[in-house]
N, C-alpha and C. Protein backbone atom coordinates (compact mmCIF):
# COMPACT_ATOMS: atom_id res chain seq x y z
N MET A 1 81.20 97.87 101.97
CA MET A 1 82.28 98.68 101.31
C MET A 1 81.03 100.45 101.75
N PRO A 2 82.24 101.36 102.29
CA PRO A 2 81.31 102.72 102.60
C PRO A 2 81.01 103.38 101.56
N SER A 3 79.82 103.73 101.61
CA SER A 3 79.54 105.10 100.50
C SER A 3 79.16 106.50 100.68
N LEU A 4 79.02 107.16 99.97
CA LEU A 4 78.73 108.40 99.96
C LEU A 4 77.48 108.98 99.80
N ARG A 5 76.76 109.97 100.40
CA ARG A 5 75.63 110.52 99.39
C ARG A 5 76.45 111.67 98.21
N VAL A 6 75.41 112.08 97.56
CA VAL A 6 75.86 112.76 96.27
C VAL A 6 76.50 114.42 96.42
N ALA A 7 75.57 115.01 97.91
CA ALA A 7 76.39 115.82 98.21
C ALA A 7 78.13 115.90 98.72
N GLU A 8 77.97 114.82 99.26
CA GLU A 8 79.52 114.44 99.85
C GLU A 8 80.71 114.18 98.41
N ALA A 9 80.12 113.35 97.88
CA ALA A 9 80.68 113.14 96.44
C ALA A 9 81.21 114.52 95.75
N ALA A 10 80.46 114.99 95.58
CA ALA A 10 80.63 116.16 94.71
C ALA A 10 81.60 117.35 95.85
N ARG A 11 81.69 117.29 96.69
CA ARG A 11 82.30 117.89 97.73
C ARG A 11 84.33 117.68 97.75
N PHE A 12 83.94 116.15 97.49
CA PHE A 12 85.45 115.79 97.36
C PHE A 12 86.00 115.82 96.19
N LEU A 13 84.79 115.57 95.08
CA LEU A 13 85.53 116.14 93.88
C LEU A 13 85.61 117.29 93.48
N GLY A 14 85.16 118.53 93.78
CA GLY A 14 85.45 119.93 93.60
C GLY A 14 84.09 120.56 92.44
N VAL A 15 82.81 119.79 92.15
CA VAL A 15 82.22 119.25 91.36
C VAL A 15 80.48 119.89 92.20
N SER A 16 79.98 120.20 91.14
CA SER A 16 78.40 120.78 91.80
C SER A 16 77.75 119.13 92.09
N ASP A 17 76.59 119.03 92.81
CA ASP A 17 75.72 118.15 92.67
C ASP A 17 75.18 117.76 91.47
N ASP A 18 75.01 118.54 90.82
CA ASP A 18 73.92 118.33 89.42
C ASP A 18 75.44 117.47 88.59
N THR A 19 76.52 117.56 89.07
CA THR A 19 77.40 116.74 87.75
C THR A 19 77.74 115.83 88.36
N VAL A 20 77.66 115.41 89.37
CA VAL A 20 77.46 113.83 90.09
C VAL A 20 76.35 113.48 89.70
N ARG A 21 75.31 113.40 89.73
CA ARG A 21 73.95 113.20 89.48
C ARG A 21 74.43 113.09 87.84
N ARG A 22 74.46 113.82 86.72
CA ARG A 22 74.63 113.61 85.38
C ARG A 22 75.95 112.10 84.88
N TRP A 23 77.05 112.10 85.94
CA TRP A 23 77.69 111.11 85.90
C TRP A 23 77.16 109.87 86.04
N ILE A 24 76.19 109.83 87.35
CA ILE A 24 75.47 108.51 87.57
C ILE A 24 74.70 108.39 86.55
N GLU A 25 73.52 109.43 85.75
CA GLU A 25 73.13 109.23 84.61
C GLU A 25 73.84 108.34 83.23
N ASN A 26 74.81 108.89 82.95
CA ASN A 26 75.70 108.73 81.94
C ASN A 26 76.36 107.46 81.93
N GLY A 27 76.79 107.14 83.47
CA GLY A 27 77.45 105.60 83.81
C GLY A 27 78.82 105.96 83.68
N THR A 28 79.27 107.30 84.14
CA THR A 28 80.72 107.46 84.40
C THR A 28 80.75 106.55 86.39
N LEU A 29 79.64 106.85 86.95
CA LEU A 29 79.76 106.28 88.33
C LEU A 29 78.80 105.91 88.25
N THR A 30 78.54 104.59 89.67
CA THR A 30 77.13 103.57 89.57
C THR A 30 76.20 104.28 90.76
N GLY A 31 75.12 104.82 91.11
CA GLY A 31 74.47 105.18 91.70
C GLY A 31 73.99 103.97 92.39
N HIS A 32 73.43 104.03 93.56
CA HIS A 32 72.85 103.38 94.54
C HIS A 32 71.58 103.82 95.66
N ARG A 33 70.96 103.29 95.81
CA ARG A 33 70.00 103.64 96.63
C ARG A 33 70.38 102.98 98.27
N ASP A 34 70.33 104.15 99.06
CA ASP A 34 70.56 103.84 100.94
C ASP A 34 68.88 103.09 100.96
N ALA A 35 69.07 102.83 102.55
CA ALA A 35 68.06 102.25 103.34
C ALA A 35 66.87 103.72 103.47
N SER A 36 67.04 104.79 103.30
CA SER A 36 66.44 106.31 103.34
C SER A 36 65.93 106.48 101.66
N GLY A 37 66.20 105.70 100.64
CA GLY A 37 66.11 106.14 99.15
C GLY A 37 67.04 107.25 98.75
N ARG A 38 68.42 107.82 99.49
CA ARG A 38 68.52 108.06 99.07
C ARG A 38 69.70 108.03 98.05
N GLN A 39 70.10 108.64 96.86
CA GLN A 39 71.07 108.30 96.40
C GLN A 39 72.68 108.66 96.89
N THR A 40 73.46 107.33 96.40
CA THR A 40 74.34 107.19 97.10
C THR A 40 75.74 106.59 96.17
N ILE A 41 76.79 107.02 96.01
CA ILE A 41 78.01 106.07 95.36
C ILE A 41 79.00 105.94 96.41
N ASP A 42 79.39 104.85 95.37
CA ASP A 42 80.50 103.64 96.32
C ASP A 42 81.78 104.40 96.61
N SER A 43 82.43 105.10 97.81
CA SER A 43 83.35 105.25 97.94
C SER A 43 84.55 105.37 97.38
N LEU A 44 85.05 103.74 96.82
CA LEU A 44 86.12 103.03 96.27
C LEU A 44 85.96 103.73 94.69
N GLU A 45 84.79 103.34 94.12
CA GLU A 45 84.42 103.92 92.96
C GLU A 45 84.71 105.34 92.64
N LEU A 46 84.16 106.30 93.56
CA LEU A 46 84.68 107.65 93.50
C LEU A 46 86.40 107.97 93.67
N ALA A 47 86.61 107.14 94.85
CA ALA A 47 88.48 107.81 94.61
C ALA A 47 89.23 107.43 93.34
N GLN A 48 88.43 105.95 92.85
CA GLN A 48 89.19 106.00 91.57
C GLN A 48 89.18 107.09 90.62
N LEU A 49 87.66 107.37 90.45
CA LEU A 49 87.45 108.39 89.54
C LEU A 49 88.35 109.56 89.44
N ALA A 50 87.94 110.21 90.88
CA ALA A 50 89.10 110.86 91.42
C ALA A 50 90.58 111.11 91.00
N ARG A 51 91.01 109.81 91.00
CA ARG A 51 92.48 109.59 91.04
C ARG A 51 92.33 109.98 89.04
N ARG A 52 91.88 108.95 88.57
CA ARG A 52 91.80 109.29 86.96
C ARG A 52 91.73 110.70 86.46
N GLN A 53 90.61 111.46 87.28
CA GLN A 53 90.52 113.04 87.01
C GLN A 53 91.55 113.70 87.32
N ALA A 54 92.45 113.62 88.47
CA ALA A 54 93.73 114.21 88.70
C ALA A 54 94.22 114.77 87.59
N GLN A 55 94.84 116.00 87.73
CA GLN A 55 95.42 116.33 86.67
C GLN A 55 96.33 117.63 87.10
N LEU A 56 97.72 117.54 87.75
CA LEU A 56 98.02 118.28 88.20
C LEU A 56 99.36 118.82 86.55
N PRO A 57 99.92 120.36 86.52
CA PRO A 57 100.94 120.11 85.17
C PRO A 57 101.66 119.07 85.41
N ASP A 58 102.62 119.14 84.32
CA ASP A 58 103.82 118.64 84.18
C ASP A 58 104.76 118.86 85.23
N ASP A 59 105.59 118.24 86.11
CA ASP A 59 106.63 118.78 86.35
C ASP A 59 107.98 119.29 85.58
N PRO A 60 108.15 120.51 85.78
CA PRO A 60 108.89 121.39 84.89
C PRO A 60 110.23 120.84 85.35
N THR A 61 110.55 120.09 86.13
CA THR A 61 112.09 120.05 86.37
C THR A 61 112.64 118.51 86.01
N GLU A 62 111.60 118.25 85.40
CA GLU A 62 112.12 116.74 84.78
C GLU A 62 113.05 115.88 85.53
N ILE A 63 113.28 115.77 86.70
CA ILE A 63 113.99 115.06 87.17
C ILE A 63 113.54 113.66 88.21
N ALA A 64 114.40 112.99 87.62
CA ALA A 64 114.28 111.69 88.24
C ALA A 64 114.25 111.24 90.08
N SER A 65 113.12 111.11 90.59
CA SER A 65 113.30 111.50 91.90
C SER A 65 112.33 109.85 92.51
N SER A 66 112.83 109.07 93.39
CA SER A 66 111.91 108.36 94.20
C SER A 66 110.99 108.89 95.03
N ALA A 67 111.10 110.59 95.21
CA ALA A 67 109.22 110.82 95.99
C ALA A 67 108.60 110.60 95.14
N ARG A 68 107.52 110.12 95.41
CA ARG A 68 106.38 109.85 94.57
C ARG A 68 104.81 111.04 95.08
N ASN A 69 105.39 111.84 95.81
CA ASN A 69 104.73 112.99 96.12
C ASN A 69 105.42 114.43 95.92
N ARG A 70 104.91 114.66 94.70
CA ARG A 70 105.59 116.09 93.58
C ARG A 70 104.80 116.28 93.63
N PHE A 71 104.20 117.97 93.90
CA PHE A 71 103.05 119.07 93.36
C PHE A 71 103.93 120.26 93.14
N VAL A 72 103.21 120.10 91.71
CA VAL A 72 103.80 121.02 91.07
C VAL A 72 102.66 122.45 91.51
N GLY A 73 103.00 123.46 91.55
CA GLY A 73 102.15 124.99 91.72
C GLY A 73 102.65 125.85 91.58
N LEU A 74 101.95 126.85 92.20
CA LEU A 74 102.34 128.33 91.95
C LEU A 74 103.16 129.06 93.22
N VAL A 75 103.89 129.99 93.17
CA VAL A 75 104.46 130.42 94.80
C VAL A 75 103.18 131.40 94.69
N THR A 76 102.77 131.59 96.19
CA THR A 76 101.52 132.59 96.43
C THR A 76 102.38 133.67 97.66
N GLU A 77 102.76 132.84 98.19
CA GLU A 77 103.63 133.69 99.67
C GLU A 77 104.68 133.74 99.74
N ILE A 78 105.81 134.94 100.17
CA ILE A 78 107.11 134.35 100.71
C ILE A 78 107.13 135.31 101.64
N VAL A 79 107.26 134.79 102.82
CA VAL A 79 107.70 135.65 104.24
C VAL A 79 109.73 135.31 104.58
N MET A 80 110.10 136.36 104.64
CA MET A 80 111.78 136.46 104.58
C MET A 80 112.35 137.02 105.46
N ASP A 81 112.81 136.44 106.50
CA ASP A 81 113.95 137.49 107.16
C ASP A 81 115.33 137.17 106.50
N LYS A 82 116.32 137.65 107.51
CA LYS A 82 117.49 137.47 107.03
C LYS A 82 118.07 135.75 106.72
N VAL A 83 117.32 135.19 107.77
CA VAL A 83 117.90 133.50 107.91
C VAL A 83 117.11 132.83 107.15
N MET A 84 116.03 132.96 107.63
CA MET A 84 115.39 132.17 106.86
C MET A 84 113.56 131.99 106.36
N ALA A 85 113.16 131.35 105.06
CA ALA A 85 112.03 131.69 104.98
C ALA A 85 110.77 130.84 104.79
N GLN A 86 109.54 131.30 104.47
CA GLN A 86 108.47 130.90 104.84
C GLN A 86 108.25 130.62 103.45
N VAL A 87 107.78 129.37 102.26
CA VAL A 87 107.24 129.79 101.05
C VAL A 87 106.11 128.89 100.90
N GLU A 88 104.75 129.51 100.48
CA GLU A 88 103.59 128.87 99.92
C GLU A 88 103.16 128.76 98.62
N LEU A 89 102.84 127.42 98.32
CA LEU A 89 102.58 127.24 97.28
C LEU A 89 101.12 126.73 96.93
N GLN A 90 100.37 127.01 95.90
CA GLN A 90 99.11 126.65 95.53
C GLN A 90 98.84 125.29 94.63
N CYS A 91 99.08 124.09 94.89
CA CYS A 91 99.47 123.26 93.86
C CYS A 91 98.18 122.47 94.03
N GLY A 92 97.47 123.13 92.56
CA GLY A 92 95.79 122.64 92.75
C GLY A 92 94.95 122.97 93.52
N PRO A 93 94.54 122.06 94.63
CA PRO A 93 93.55 122.54 95.41
C PRO A 93 94.25 122.45 96.62
N PHE A 94 95.39 122.20 96.74
CA PHE A 94 96.42 122.31 97.88
C PHE A 94 97.29 123.36 98.35
N ARG A 95 97.19 123.83 99.51
CA ARG A 95 98.03 124.75 100.06
C ARG A 95 99.25 123.98 100.66
N VAL A 96 100.61 123.91 99.94
CA VAL A 96 101.79 123.38 100.30
C VAL A 96 102.55 124.48 101.32
N VAL A 97 103.26 124.57 101.88
CA VAL A 97 104.06 125.39 102.66
C VAL A 97 105.25 124.64 103.03
N SER A 98 106.57 125.26 102.96
CA SER A 98 107.71 125.09 103.12
C SER A 98 108.45 125.76 103.74
N LEU A 99 109.35 125.41 104.52
CA LEU A 99 110.47 126.00 105.64
C LEU A 99 111.49 126.25 105.00
N MET A 100 112.56 127.23 104.48
CA MET A 100 113.74 126.56 104.03
C MET A 100 114.78 127.94 104.46
N SER A 101 116.02 127.76 104.17
CA SER A 101 116.27 129.28 104.29
C SER A 101 116.45 130.39 103.36
N SER A 102 116.61 131.48 103.28
CA SER A 102 116.39 132.79 102.71
C SER A 102 117.68 132.54 101.55
N GLU A 103 118.43 132.16 102.01
CA GLU A 103 119.56 131.79 100.76
C GLU A 103 119.19 130.90 99.92
N ALA A 104 118.01 129.67 99.96
CA ALA A 104 117.75 128.75 99.29
C ALA A 104 116.74 129.38 98.50
N VAL A 105 115.78 130.49 98.85
CA VAL A 105 114.75 130.92 98.30
C VAL A 105 115.84 131.72 96.41
N ARG A 106 116.67 132.68 97.38
CA ARG A 106 117.63 133.33 96.33
C ARG A 106 117.92 132.84 95.60
N GLU A 107 118.82 131.59 95.46
CA GLU A 107 119.52 130.60 94.70
C GLU A 107 118.43 130.33 93.78
N LEU A 108 116.91 129.55 94.49
CA LEU A 108 116.42 129.12 93.58
C LEU A 108 114.96 130.39 92.42
N GLY A 109 115.77 131.35 92.78
CA GLY A 109 114.88 132.57 92.21
C GLY A 109 113.52 132.97 92.41
N LEU A 110 113.39 132.25 93.46
CA LEU A 110 111.91 131.86 94.04
C LEU A 110 110.71 133.33 93.65
N GLU A 111 109.62 133.72 93.27
CA GLU A 111 109.11 135.28 93.86
C GLU A 111 107.63 134.74 93.31
N LEU A 112 106.77 135.51 93.72
CA LEU A 112 105.41 135.72 93.94
C LEU A 112 105.08 134.92 92.45
N GLY A 113 104.51 134.07 92.00
CA GLY A 113 104.28 133.83 90.62
C GLY A 113 105.38 132.82 90.22
N SER A 114 106.00 132.23 90.86
CA SER A 114 106.81 131.20 90.00
C SER A 114 106.30 130.18 90.15
N THR A 115 106.58 129.56 89.08
CA THR A 115 105.87 128.07 89.23
C THR A 115 107.76 127.16 89.81
N ALA A 116 107.14 126.55 91.08
CA ALA A 116 108.12 124.91 91.45
C ALA A 116 106.81 123.94 91.99
N THR A 117 108.39 122.91 92.28
CA THR A 117 107.49 121.78 92.55
C THR A 117 107.64 121.48 93.83
N ALA A 118 106.96 121.33 94.95
CA ALA A 118 107.23 120.58 96.51
C ALA A 118 107.41 119.45 96.07
N VAL A 119 108.37 118.92 96.85
CA VAL A 119 108.81 117.09 96.82
C VAL A 119 108.74 116.63 98.73
N VAL A 120 107.66 115.71 98.40
CA VAL A 120 107.41 115.82 99.67
C VAL A 120 108.21 114.05 100.25
N LYS A 121 108.70 113.87 100.89
CA LYS A 121 109.31 112.75 100.83
C LYS A 121 109.12 112.22 102.81
N ALA A 122 108.12 111.75 102.86
CA ALA A 122 107.78 111.68 104.40
C ALA A 122 107.76 110.19 104.92
N THR A 123 108.55 109.84 106.06
CA THR A 123 108.38 108.70 106.87
C THR A 123 107.37 108.48 108.06
N ASN A 124 106.71 109.63 107.99
CA ASN A 124 105.69 109.57 109.31
C ASN A 124 104.37 110.63 108.81
N VAL A 125 103.44 109.92 108.43
CA VAL A 125 102.38 111.09 107.88
C VAL A 125 101.24 110.24 108.64
N MET A 126 100.13 111.64 109.12
CA MET A 126 98.98 111.18 109.66
C MET A 126 98.01 110.81 109.15
N VAL A 127 97.35 109.71 109.17
CA VAL A 127 95.61 110.08 108.96
C VAL A 127 94.71 109.98 109.82
N GLU A 128 94.07 111.08 109.55
CA GLU A 128 92.68 111.08 110.43
C GLU A 128 91.27 110.81 109.63
N VAL A 129 90.17 110.10 110.54
CA VAL A 129 88.79 110.11 110.04
C VAL A 129 87.80 111.12 111.21
N PRO A 130 86.84 111.80 110.55
CA PRO A 130 85.93 112.21 111.27
C PRO A 130 85.34 111.19 112.23
N PRO A 131 85.05 111.58 113.57
CA PRO A 131 84.02 110.90 114.33
C PRO A 131 82.92 110.25 113.76
N GLY A 132 82.96 108.97 114.26
CA GLY A 132 81.50 108.32 113.84
C GLY A 132 81.97 107.90 112.54
N LYS A 133 82.93 108.21 111.62
CA LYS A 133 83.10 107.49 110.91
C LYS A 133 83.96 106.60 110.26
N LYS A 134 84.31 105.64 111.27
CA LYS A 134 85.13 104.73 111.53
C LYS A 134 84.50 103.51 110.95
N HIS A 135 85.50 102.89 110.30
CA HIS A 135 84.53 101.50 109.08
C HIS A 135 84.94 100.25 110.15
N PRO A 136 84.50 99.22 109.76
CA PRO A 136 84.89 98.04 110.46
C PRO A 136 86.20 97.12 109.35
């Protein structure tokens, strides 16, 4: 099972190294020692904690949808010409950019600071890993 050092785990969760160490001390995470004696955390356990802690705002649309990738956020930028627009949302730590018609921007009433939900229904999703991080 792959594992991460404390600093790497902290970076993935957006917390400090000290927070990860406290979670190990209080049993929220299980720490292990690698061959060099450094503290590590099981990657799967970390992913499960990240999933439990992920708290996006409730979707204000309350629409039932088959799309599982729904990101609620705030509109941070709109670049619009006569026909097309680029709309940027900040959804938690994620930046989501959508290209749509200028007409759609006007009909949706999008403006800087608006709350909106990005819905992603993709049949083609790329997954990449850093060099040297491939696991058997």
